[in-house]
Every structure is written in C-alpha cells, then in structure tokens.
C-alpha cells in the first residue's frame, strides 16, 4: 500500500481523513475538499490510499487509520471489500464513510441490474476527459499556422486554402482525442518548412472546387465588409490560389480530400476511415 501524501497545509491538530479507494481516490478527495468549504480548511487533511483491491491492503489501511486516529472515507465497488473494511474498522473503533455503497445499492434496486463492480472505471473516464481537453488545447495552439516548430508531435496536420474548413475540422477531431494542427496555404507564400519534414502520411490536404469557394468567400466578404481584400472572393484570384496550392501539393505528395459541399462530420469520417483502414 502506497498512500498519496497530503498536499494541502494543515495544522498539527488537523484531523486526518484517509481516502481508501480501489481506483485513484481522487473523487473521494474532491468530495472532502467540497465539504471542507463549510469549515476551516486547515482543520482537516486528506491522504489517498489508492488501488486497494484485496484483503491485505484493506487490513493495512484500517491499521494505519487506527494508528493515526483517522476517519476512513472509502469508495470500493466490490460489496465484499466494503463489508470487510467496515468489519475491520469496527474492531478498531474507526469511523467510516461509504462514498459509493448506498448509491450503488439504490441504483441496483431501481434499475434491477447488478453493478459491474469493476474498479477504476471512473478513472478511465477521467483520463479520457483530460486527453480530450489536452487535444483541444493542442488544436487551439496549432490553429491557422501557429506554432509550427513541433509539427512532429501532431497526429494529423491539415493544409488548405482559406475556407476549406481546416479549423472546424481540427476542433472536431480534437474533441475525439486527435492532436491536430492546421496550416493555411496562402498565395505566394511557402508553407512552414517543417511540413515537408514530417511523414507525408500525417498530412491531409483539403481541396475545394472554385465555384464553391467563390460562394462561401463572397458571403464572408459581405458579412465582414472590411478587413478582407475584395479579390479574396474573385474567380481569377481563387483560380490562381488553387494553382499555387497544386504546386505545393506536388512537393508534399500528401493525401487530398475534396471538401466541396461536405459537412465537417463527413470529412472527419473520411479521415478517420483513412487512418483506421
């Protein structure tokens, strides 16, 4: 058993709450912290005892609580482990607080199905959530050609001329856990050299037909009224820009996807299929 030592300051007389869990114990720790907003935070300290999944670890946690006159708050999904902890705690006159037991029993009754009793499931969901947040943060930092010095850390790099859905597509994939950067192709300017140094399989070029780009760019010019060159939506300029894009594609040798008249979800599905296939 390896307790996770407290990080919050506490007075010498602070009461100790041991968070005994078959997962990380983070949930129990947060519950205590929420409760302590109603008291002097320094009057209680918490210490997590994670991965308690057998009788020996339960007994060790109870003895530790007895030696230190602590309260035990426990989140154990196994009914047998909950019973054992309570029985051992009673022998040592240790107060216990069951974080999950009553909830599981109630849900079992109303849903008429036994709980899965698999430790660590919430932690898996928690990890998935933080991975998603990390991916979204990555997409924001690497949006529209920003931060191109570490493109090798991306799962995917999207390139394309303006209004080919690079940013919304990057965010859509980021929400699903992909680290995505996107780089605009601008007429007369070479893209960052790093784009040619990463594996070409990491790069997807987004193409669109001229008439479609003309329509959506024209609408954007009308809405913004200023800040964009009028040539931005003109057929001649778009044709020249796409010719420049094709020159860069010839250098990169990347996979090309046509996004004309496609929803972001549709293009994302094509990319996912491409990389999973």
Protein backbone atom coordinates (compact mmCIF):
# COMPACT_ATOMS: atom_id res chain seq x y z
CA UNK A 1 0.00 0.00 0.00
CA UNK A 2 1.41 3.35 -1.04
CA UNK A 3 -0.55 6.28 0.39
CA UNK A 4 -0.58 9.52 -1.57
CA UNK A 5 0.63 12.11 0.88
CA UNK A 6 -1.43 15.25 1.50
CA UNK A 7 -0.61 18.36 -0.44
CA UNK A 8 -2.67 20.89 1.48
CA UNK A 9 -1.29 22.66 4.55
CA UNK A 10 -2.83 21.59 7.84
CA UNK A 11 -2.44 22.50 11.49
CA UNK A 12 -0.72 19.99 13.83
CA UNK A 13 -4.12 19.18 15.33
CA UNK A 14 -5.81 18.63 11.95
CA UNK A 15 -7.99 15.57 11.70
CA UNK A 16 -6.86 13.04 9.11
CA UNK A 17 -9.27 11.54 6.58
CA UNK A 18 -7.87 8.54 4.73
CA UNK A 19 -9.39 8.17 1.25
CA UNK A 20 -9.41 4.41 0.66
CA UNK A 21 -10.20 3.57 -2.94
CA UNK A 22 -9.89 0.76 -5.45
CA UNK A 23 -9.14 3.47 -8.03
CA UNK A 24 -7.13 6.66 -7.61
CA UNK A 25 -9.06 8.13 -4.68
CA UNK A 26 -9.23 11.50 -6.42
CA UNK A 27 -13.03 11.54 -6.39
CA UNK A 28 -13.16 10.97 -2.63
CA UNK A 29 -10.55 13.65 -2.08
CA UNK A 30 -12.64 16.14 -4.06
CA UNK A 31 -15.73 15.27 -2.03
CA UNK A 32 -13.89 16.02 1.23
CA UNK A 33 -12.50 19.25 -0.20
CA UNK A 34 -16.01 20.31 -1.22
CA UNK A 35 -17.29 19.57 2.28
CA UNK A 36 -14.42 21.49 3.86
CA UNK A 37 -15.50 24.72 2.20
CA UNK A 38 -18.05 24.84 5.05
CA UNK A 39 -15.30 24.60 7.71
CA UNK A 40 -11.80 25.79 8.36
CA UNK A 41 -9.83 24.02 5.57
CA UNK A 42 -6.78 23.69 7.82
CA UNK A 43 -8.72 21.62 10.36
CA UNK A 44 -8.73 18.53 8.14
CA UNK A 45 -6.09 16.92 5.99
CA UNK A 46 -6.65 14.15 3.45
CA UNK A 47 -4.43 11.35 2.31
CA UNK A 48 -5.28 8.99 -0.52
CA UNK A 49 -4.74 5.23 -0.31
CA UNK A 50 -5.33 4.11 -3.91
CA UNK A 51 -5.56 0.71 -5.62
CA UNK A 52 -6.97 -1.09 -2.57
CA UNK A 53 -8.24 -4.26 -4.22
CA UNK A 54 -7.54 -7.12 -1.82
CA UNK A 55 -7.96 -8.11 1.83
CA UNK A 56 -4.35 -7.43 2.79
CA UNK A 57 -4.49 -3.82 1.58
CA UNK A 58 -7.80 -3.25 3.34
CA UNK A 59 -6.36 -4.50 6.63
CA UNK A 60 -3.24 -2.37 6.21
CA UNK A 61 -5.34 0.74 5.54
CA UNK A 62 -7.50 0.13 8.63
CA UNK A 63 -4.47 -0.40 10.89
CA UNK A 64 -2.90 2.78 9.53
CA UNK A 65 -6.11 4.69 10.30
CA UNK A 66 -6.18 3.23 13.80
CA UNK A 67 -2.59 4.22 14.50
CA UNK A 68 -3.22 7.77 13.33
CA UNK A 69 -6.77 8.16 14.72
CA UNK A 70 -8.12 8.90 11.27
CA UNK A 71 -11.53 8.72 9.68
CA UNK A 72 -11.83 6.46 6.64
CA UNK A 73 -13.80 7.61 3.61
CA UNK A 74 -13.94 4.73 1.17
CA UNK A 75 -15.02 4.22 -2.43
CA UNK A 76 -14.94 0.50 -3.15
CA UNK A 77 -17.14 -1.03 -5.82
CA UNK A 78 -16.85 -4.60 -4.52
CA UNK A 79 -19.56 -5.38 -1.90
CA UNK A 80 -17.23 -7.92 -0.29
CA UNK A 81 -14.46 -5.37 0.10
CA UNK A 82 -16.87 -2.82 1.56
CA UNK A 83 -18.09 -5.35 4.14
CA UNK A 84 -14.57 -6.34 5.07
CA UNK A 85 -13.43 -2.76 5.52
CA UNK A 86 -16.41 -1.93 7.76
CA UNK A 87 -15.90 -5.07 9.88
CA UNK A 88 -12.20 -4.36 10.38
CA UNK A 89 -12.87 -0.69 11.13
CA UNK A 90 -15.38 -1.61 13.84
CA UNK A 91 -12.77 -3.74 15.60
CA UNK A 92 -10.56 -0.65 15.88
CA UNK A 93 -13.45 1.77 16.56
CA UNK A 94 -12.66 3.75 13.42
CA UNK A 95 -15.41 5.94 11.93
CA UNK A 96 -16.08 5.20 8.26
CA UNK A 97 -17.94 6.97 5.48
CA UNK A 98 -19.14 5.00 2.46
CA UNK A 99 -18.97 7.16 -0.67
CA UNK A 100 -20.41 4.67 -3.19
CA UNK A 101 -22.18 1.85 -1.38
CA UNK A 102 -25.60 3.42 -0.80
CA UNK A 103 -25.68 4.85 -4.33
CA UNK A 104 -24.82 1.50 -5.90
CA UNK A 105 -27.42 -0.31 -3.81
CA UNK A 106 -30.14 2.18 -4.69
CA UNK A 107 -29.37 2.10 -8.40
CA UNK A 108 -29.23 -1.69 -8.34
CA UNK A 109 -32.73 -1.70 -6.88
CA UNK A 110 -34.34 0.83 -9.24
CA UNK A 111 -32.56 -0.41 -12.37
CA UNK A 112 -32.99 -4.08 -11.43
CA UNK A 113 -29.48 -4.92 -12.55
CA UNK A 114 -26.32 -5.66 -10.60
CA UNK A 115 -23.47 -3.12 -10.83
CA UNK A 116 -20.42 -4.17 -12.83
CA UNK A 117 -18.15 -3.98 -9.74
CA UNK A 118 -15.12 -3.16 -11.89
CA UNK A 119 -12.59 -0.95 -10.09
CA UNK A 120 -11.10 2.04 -11.86
CA UNK A 121 -13.85 2.65 -14.45
CA UNK A 122 -14.36 6.25 -13.37
CA UNK A 123 -10.63 6.87 -13.56
CA UNK A 124 -10.65 5.59 -17.14
CA UNK A 125 -13.40 8.08 -17.99
CA UNK A 126 -11.49 10.82 -16.16
CA UNK A 127 -8.36 10.09 -18.19
CA UNK A 128 -10.35 10.17 -21.42
CA UNK A 129 -11.77 13.56 -20.47
CA UNK A 130 -8.34 15.06 -19.79
CA UNK A 131 -6.93 13.61 -23.02
CA UNK A 132 -9.75 15.32 -24.89
CA UNK A 133 -9.06 18.65 -23.18
CA UNK A 134 -5.37 18.29 -23.99
CA UNK A 135 -6.18 17.62 -27.66
CA UNK A 136 -8.45 20.66 -27.89
CA UNK A 137 -5.76 22.81 -26.30
CA UNK A 138 -3.27 21.45 -28.85
CA UNK A 139 -5.61 22.31 -31.74
CA UNK A 140 -6.08 25.87 -30.46
CA UNK A 141 -2.33 26.42 -30.07
CA UNK A 142 -1.67 24.99 -33.54
CA UNK A 143 -4.54 26.70 -35.35
CA UNK A 144 -4.09 28.64 -38.58
CA UNK A 145 -0.32 28.15 -38.88
CA UNK A 146 0.57 28.99 -35.27
CA UNK A 147 3.34 27.07 -33.50
CA UNK A 148 4.79 25.17 -36.46
CA UNK A 149 8.08 24.23 -34.78
CA UNK A 150 6.74 20.97 -33.33
CA UNK A 151 4.58 19.55 -36.10
CA UNK A 152 6.16 16.16 -35.46
CA UNK A 153 4.06 15.97 -32.27
CA UNK A 154 0.79 16.14 -34.23
CA UNK A 155 -1.27 13.10 -35.09
CA UNK A 156 -2.52 14.95 -38.14
CA UNK A 157 -1.75 18.18 -39.99
CA UNK A 158 -4.41 19.75 -42.20
CA UNK A 159 -3.40 22.07 -45.04
CA UNK A 160 -5.59 24.03 -47.42
CA UNK A 161 -6.53 27.41 -48.75
CA UNK A 162 -8.88 29.69 -46.84
CA UNK A 163 -12.45 28.44 -46.19
CA UNK A 164 -11.75 24.73 -46.59
CA UNK A 165 -12.93 24.01 -43.02
CA UNK A 166 -9.47 23.49 -41.55
CA UNK A 167 -10.24 24.93 -38.10
CA UNK A 168 -13.68 23.37 -37.51
CA UNK A 169 -12.37 20.02 -38.75
CA UNK A 170 -9.34 20.26 -36.44
CA UNK A 171 -11.60 21.01 -33.48
CA UNK A 172 -13.99 18.20 -34.38
CA UNK A 173 -11.12 15.68 -34.46
CA UNK A 174 -9.54 17.18 -31.33
CA UNK A 175 -12.76 16.50 -29.43
CA UNK A 176 -12.22 12.87 -30.33
CA UNK A 177 -8.69 12.90 -28.94
CA UNK A 178 -6.60 13.69 -32.01
CA UNK A 179 -3.69 16.16 -31.83
CA UNK A 180 -4.37 18.23 -34.95
CA UNK A 181 -2.52 21.22 -36.40
CA UNK A 182 -3.74 23.19 -39.39
CA UNK A 183 -1.78 25.34 -41.81
CA UNK A 184 -3.23 27.79 -44.35
CA UNK A 185 -1.88 27.85 -47.87
CA UNK A 186 -1.51 31.48 -48.94
CA UNK A 187 -0.82 32.58 -52.48
CA UNK A 188 2.84 33.48 -52.98
CA UNK A 189 3.98 32.20 -49.58
CA UNK A 190 5.71 28.91 -48.90
CA UNK A 191 4.24 26.88 -46.01
CA UNK A 192 6.48 26.23 -42.98
CA UNK A 193 9.42 24.03 -43.93
CA UNK A 194 8.56 21.63 -41.11
CA UNK A 195 5.50 20.41 -43.03
CA UNK A 196 7.84 18.74 -45.52
CA UNK A 197 9.94 17.10 -42.80
CA UNK A 198 7.23 15.05 -41.09
CA UNK A 199 5.91 11.79 -42.58
CA UNK A 200 3.66 12.62 -45.53
CA UNK A 201 1.06 10.20 -44.14
CA UNK A 202 0.44 12.68 -41.31
CA UNK A 203 -0.69 15.40 -43.68
CA UNK A 204 -4.12 15.75 -45.33
CA UNK A 205 -4.65 18.43 -47.95
CA UNK A 206 -8.18 19.86 -48.11
CA UNK A 207 -9.30 20.80 -51.61
CA UNK A 208 -12.45 22.57 -52.75
CA UNK A 209 -13.91 23.42 -56.17
CA UNK A 210 -13.52 27.04 -57.32
CA UNK A 211 -17.23 27.84 -57.65
CA UNK A 212 -17.91 26.63 -54.09
CA UNK A 213 -15.04 28.68 -52.66
CA UNK A 214 -16.30 31.70 -54.57
CA UNK A 215 -19.72 31.37 -52.95
CA UNK A 216 -18.62 30.95 -49.32
CA UNK A 217 -15.89 33.58 -49.61
CA UNK A 218 -18.30 36.02 -51.18
CA UNK A 219 -20.64 35.54 -48.24
CA UNK A 220 -17.78 36.10 -45.83
CA UNK A 221 -16.77 39.33 -47.57
CA UNK A 222 -20.36 40.58 -47.37
CA UNK A 223 -20.57 39.83 -43.65
CA UNK A 224 -17.21 41.30 -42.69
CA UNK A 225 -17.50 44.31 -45.07
CA UNK A 226 -13.89 45.23 -44.29
CA UNK A 227 -10.65 43.53 -43.36
CA UNK A 228 -10.64 41.31 -46.45
CA UNK A 229 -9.39 42.12 -49.92
CA UNK A 230 -12.18 42.23 -52.49
CA UNK A 231 -10.08 39.91 -54.70
CA UNK A 232 -10.36 37.25 -51.97
CA UNK A 233 -13.64 36.00 -53.44
CA UNK A 234 -12.98 36.73 -57.13
CA UNK A 235 -12.81 33.76 -59.52
CA UNK A 236 -9.46 34.82 -61.04
CA UNK A 237 -7.81 35.09 -57.63
CA UNK A 238 -9.23 31.74 -56.45
CA UNK A 239 -8.03 30.05 -59.64
CA UNK A 240 -4.52 31.45 -59.15
CA UNK A 241 -4.54 30.46 -55.47
CA UNK A 242 -5.57 26.88 -56.26
CA UNK A 243 -2.84 26.65 -58.91
CA UNK A 244 -0.33 27.68 -56.23
CA UNK A 245 -1.82 25.08 -53.89
CA UNK A 246 -1.34 22.36 -56.53
CA UNK A 247 2.33 23.29 -56.84
CA UNK A 248 2.76 22.79 -53.10
CA UNK A 249 0.83 19.51 -53.24
CA UNK A 250 3.25 18.25 -55.88
CA UNK A 251 6.11 18.89 -53.47
CA UNK A 252 4.40 17.30 -50.49
CA UNK A 253 2.77 14.27 -52.09
CA UNK A 254 0.01 14.35 -49.46
CA UNK A 255 -3.40 12.72 -49.36
CA UNK A 256 -6.04 15.03 -50.83
CA UNK A 257 -9.68 15.21 -49.75
CA UNK A 258 -12.33 17.25 -51.56
CA UNK A 259 -14.46 19.13 -49.02
CA UNK A 260 -16.81 20.73 -51.55
CA UNK A 261 -20.39 20.70 -50.22
CA UNK A 262 -19.38 18.41 -47.34
CA UNK A 263 -20.21 18.81 -43.67
CA UNK A 264 -17.32 18.75 -41.24
CA UNK A 265 -18.61 15.46 -39.82
CA UNK A 266 -18.48 13.86 -43.26
CA UNK A 267 -14.89 14.91 -43.93
CA UNK A 268 -13.87 13.82 -40.42
CA UNK A 269 -15.39 10.40 -41.02
CA UNK A 270 -13.35 10.08 -44.24
CA UNK A 271 -10.15 10.96 -42.38
CA UNK A 272 -10.87 8.54 -39.55
CA UNK A 273 -11.63 5.78 -42.06
CA UNK A 274 -8.44 6.60 -43.93
CA UNK A 275 -6.26 6.27 -40.84
CA UNK A 276 -8.04 3.26 -39.39
CA UNK A 277 -8.19 1.42 -42.69
